[in-house]
Amino acid sequence: MTLNDDETKADIGGWVTIDNNSGKKYVDAKLKLIAGDVNTVPTYQPYVTYAMNDMVFERETAGAPSFSEKAFADYHMYTLSQTVTLNESSQKQVEFIPKVYNIPIRKYHQITINAGGYSENNIKATNKI
């Protein structure tokens, strides 16, 4: 987003950067982008080490974690309308959101008060667009 000088209008657009580290070239590839928080499984550690009274203990933990599932509804999928050629070990930028010009902007102020009363440390004011 680019604001004009008096912050009343903006130009908005977006690009995605695609890294191809697969070791293969893709010619005229159809791309779908997935947005969302990826749920990863923590690394399995078969033993836990801890100390107590200058002695070191080690105990076996439970079995390796199983796969976890996250519903697709938490993600957003975008299909690019154009095909893309990606060379091996390369990076490419593709327009994702076409640029729109002179969008009216309304600026406002937001005040956040954290728990603990109205002291100077608990109040935060910011400008928002």
Protein backbone atom coordinates (compact mmCIF):
# COMPACT_ATOMS: atom_id res chain seq x y z
CA MET A 1 0.00 0.00 0.00
CA THR A 2 1.30 3.46 -0.93
CA LEU A 3 -0.33 6.52 0.66
CA ASN A 4 -0.50 9.92 -1.01
CA ASP A 5 1.14 12.89 0.76
CA ASP A 6 -1.98 13.99 2.68
CA GLU A 7 -2.88 10.36 3.58
CA THR A 8 -6.38 10.51 2.06
CA LYS A 9 -5.89 8.02 -0.80
CA ALA A 10 -3.80 4.90 -1.39
CA ASP A 11 -2.64 2.61 -4.17
CA ILE A 12 -2.84 -1.07 -3.21
CA GLY A 13 -1.33 -4.13 -4.90
CA GLY A 14 0.53 -7.30 -3.97
CA TRP A 15 3.12 -9.77 -5.19
CA VAL A 16 4.14 -13.23 -4.06
CA THR A 17 7.69 -14.52 -4.10
CA ILE A 18 8.12 -18.15 -5.11
CA ASP A 19 11.33 -20.04 -4.26
CA ASN A 20 12.03 -23.21 -6.25
CA ASN A 21 14.52 -25.34 -4.31
CA SER A 22 13.11 -28.67 -5.49
CA GLY A 23 15.98 -29.42 -7.89
CA LYS A 24 13.58 -29.49 -10.85
CA LYS A 25 12.48 -26.95 -13.49
CA TYR A 26 8.73 -26.37 -13.89
CA VAL A 27 7.45 -25.14 -17.27
CA ASP A 28 4.00 -23.52 -17.47
CA ALA A 29 3.10 -24.69 -13.97
CA LYS A 30 -0.35 -24.01 -12.54
CA LEU A 31 0.10 -22.67 -9.02
CA LYS A 32 -2.15 -22.70 -5.97
CA LEU A 33 -1.13 -20.75 -2.91
CA ILE A 34 -2.14 -21.79 0.58
CA ALA A 35 -2.21 -19.19 3.37
CA GLY A 36 -2.57 -19.99 7.04
CA ASP A 37 -0.64 -21.09 10.10
CA VAL A 38 1.13 -24.37 9.47
CA ASN A 39 0.82 -26.88 12.31
CA THR A 40 4.15 -28.67 12.74
CA VAL A 41 4.90 -31.68 14.90
CA PRO A 42 7.71 -31.13 17.44
CA THR A 43 10.90 -33.15 17.15
CA TYR A 44 10.72 -36.40 19.11
CA GLN A 45 13.21 -36.74 21.96
CA PRO A 46 13.29 -40.29 23.37
CA TYR A 47 14.98 -39.25 26.64
CA VAL A 48 14.65 -36.28 28.98
CA THR A 49 17.67 -35.29 31.10
CA TYR A 50 17.26 -33.37 34.36
CA ALA A 51 19.39 -32.63 37.42
CA MET A 52 18.54 -32.76 41.11
CA ASN A 53 20.88 -32.34 44.10
CA ASP A 54 24.02 -32.50 41.89
CA MET A 55 22.86 -35.77 40.35
CA VAL A 56 21.87 -36.16 36.69
CA PHE A 57 18.91 -38.35 35.77
CA GLU A 58 17.64 -39.48 32.41
CA ARG A 59 14.27 -41.04 31.72
CA GLU A 60 12.53 -42.28 28.63
CA THR A 61 9.59 -40.24 27.38
CA ALA A 62 6.38 -41.50 25.81
CA GLY A 63 6.39 -42.80 22.23
CA ALA A 64 6.93 -40.67 19.14
CA PRO A 65 4.17 -38.15 18.43
CA SER A 66 1.57 -39.03 15.85
CA PHE A 67 0.48 -36.81 12.99
CA SER A 68 -1.93 -34.04 13.82
CA GLU A 69 -4.59 -32.71 11.52
CA LYS A 70 -5.74 -29.15 11.04
CA ALA A 71 -9.00 -28.52 9.23
CA PHE A 72 -8.69 -27.02 5.74
CA ALA A 73 -11.19 -24.34 6.77
CA ASP A 74 -8.37 -22.61 8.68
CA TYR A 75 -6.50 -22.06 5.42
CA HIS A 76 -7.16 -19.98 2.34
CA MET A 77 -6.35 -21.27 -1.13
CA TYR A 78 -5.64 -18.99 -4.08
CA THR A 79 -5.27 -20.19 -7.67
CA LEU A 80 -3.11 -18.06 -9.95
CA SER A 81 -4.81 -17.45 -13.28
CA GLN A 82 -1.58 -17.52 -15.30
CA THR A 83 0.93 -20.35 -15.62
CA VAL A 84 4.47 -19.79 -14.37
CA THR A 85 7.83 -21.20 -15.46
CA LEU A 86 10.17 -21.74 -12.51
CA ASN A 87 13.82 -22.55 -13.17
CA GLU A 88 15.70 -24.91 -10.88
CA SER A 89 17.15 -23.16 -7.78
CA SER A 90 15.50 -19.85 -8.62
CA GLN A 91 13.18 -17.23 -7.19
CA LYS A 92 10.36 -15.48 -9.05
CA GLN A 93 7.86 -12.77 -8.18
CA VAL A 94 4.32 -13.00 -9.54
CA GLU A 95 1.60 -10.36 -9.25
CA PHE A 96 -0.95 -11.68 -6.78
CA ILE A 97 -3.22 -8.69 -6.19
CA PRO A 98 -3.60 -6.40 -9.24
CA LYS A 99 -2.81 -2.77 -8.40
CA VAL A 100 -5.79 -0.53 -7.62
CA TYR A 101 -5.30 3.24 -7.55
CA ASN A 102 -6.78 6.14 -5.54
CA ILE A 103 -8.68 4.19 -2.90
CA PRO A 104 -10.19 6.58 -0.31
CA ILE A 105 -8.56 6.18 3.11
CA ARG A 106 -10.03 7.03 6.53
CA LYS A 107 -7.53 7.52 9.33
CA TYR A 108 -8.55 6.99 12.97
CA HIS A 109 -6.94 6.72 16.41
CA GLN A 110 -7.01 3.60 18.54
CA ILE A 111 -6.38 3.53 22.29
CA THR A 112 -5.62 0.24 24.06
CA ILE A 113 -5.75 -0.03 27.84
CA ASN A 114 -4.06 -3.07 29.36
CA ALA A 115 -5.29 -4.65 32.59
CA GLY A 116 -4.00 -2.89 35.65
CA GLY A 117 -5.66 0.51 35.52
CA TYR A 118 -5.10 3.78 33.75
CA SER A 119 -1.42 4.35 34.52
CA GLU A 120 0.85 5.75 31.81
CA ASN A 121 2.46 2.30 31.34
CA ASN A 122 -0.89 0.60 30.61
CA ILE A 123 -2.21 2.98 27.92
CA LYS A 124 -1.05 2.72 24.31
CA ALA A 125 -2.33 5.02 21.53
CA THR A 126 -1.73 4.33 17.82
CA ASN A 127 -2.89 5.75 14.49
CA LYS A 128 -4.66 3.30 12.19
CA ILE A 129 -5.59 3.51 8.53
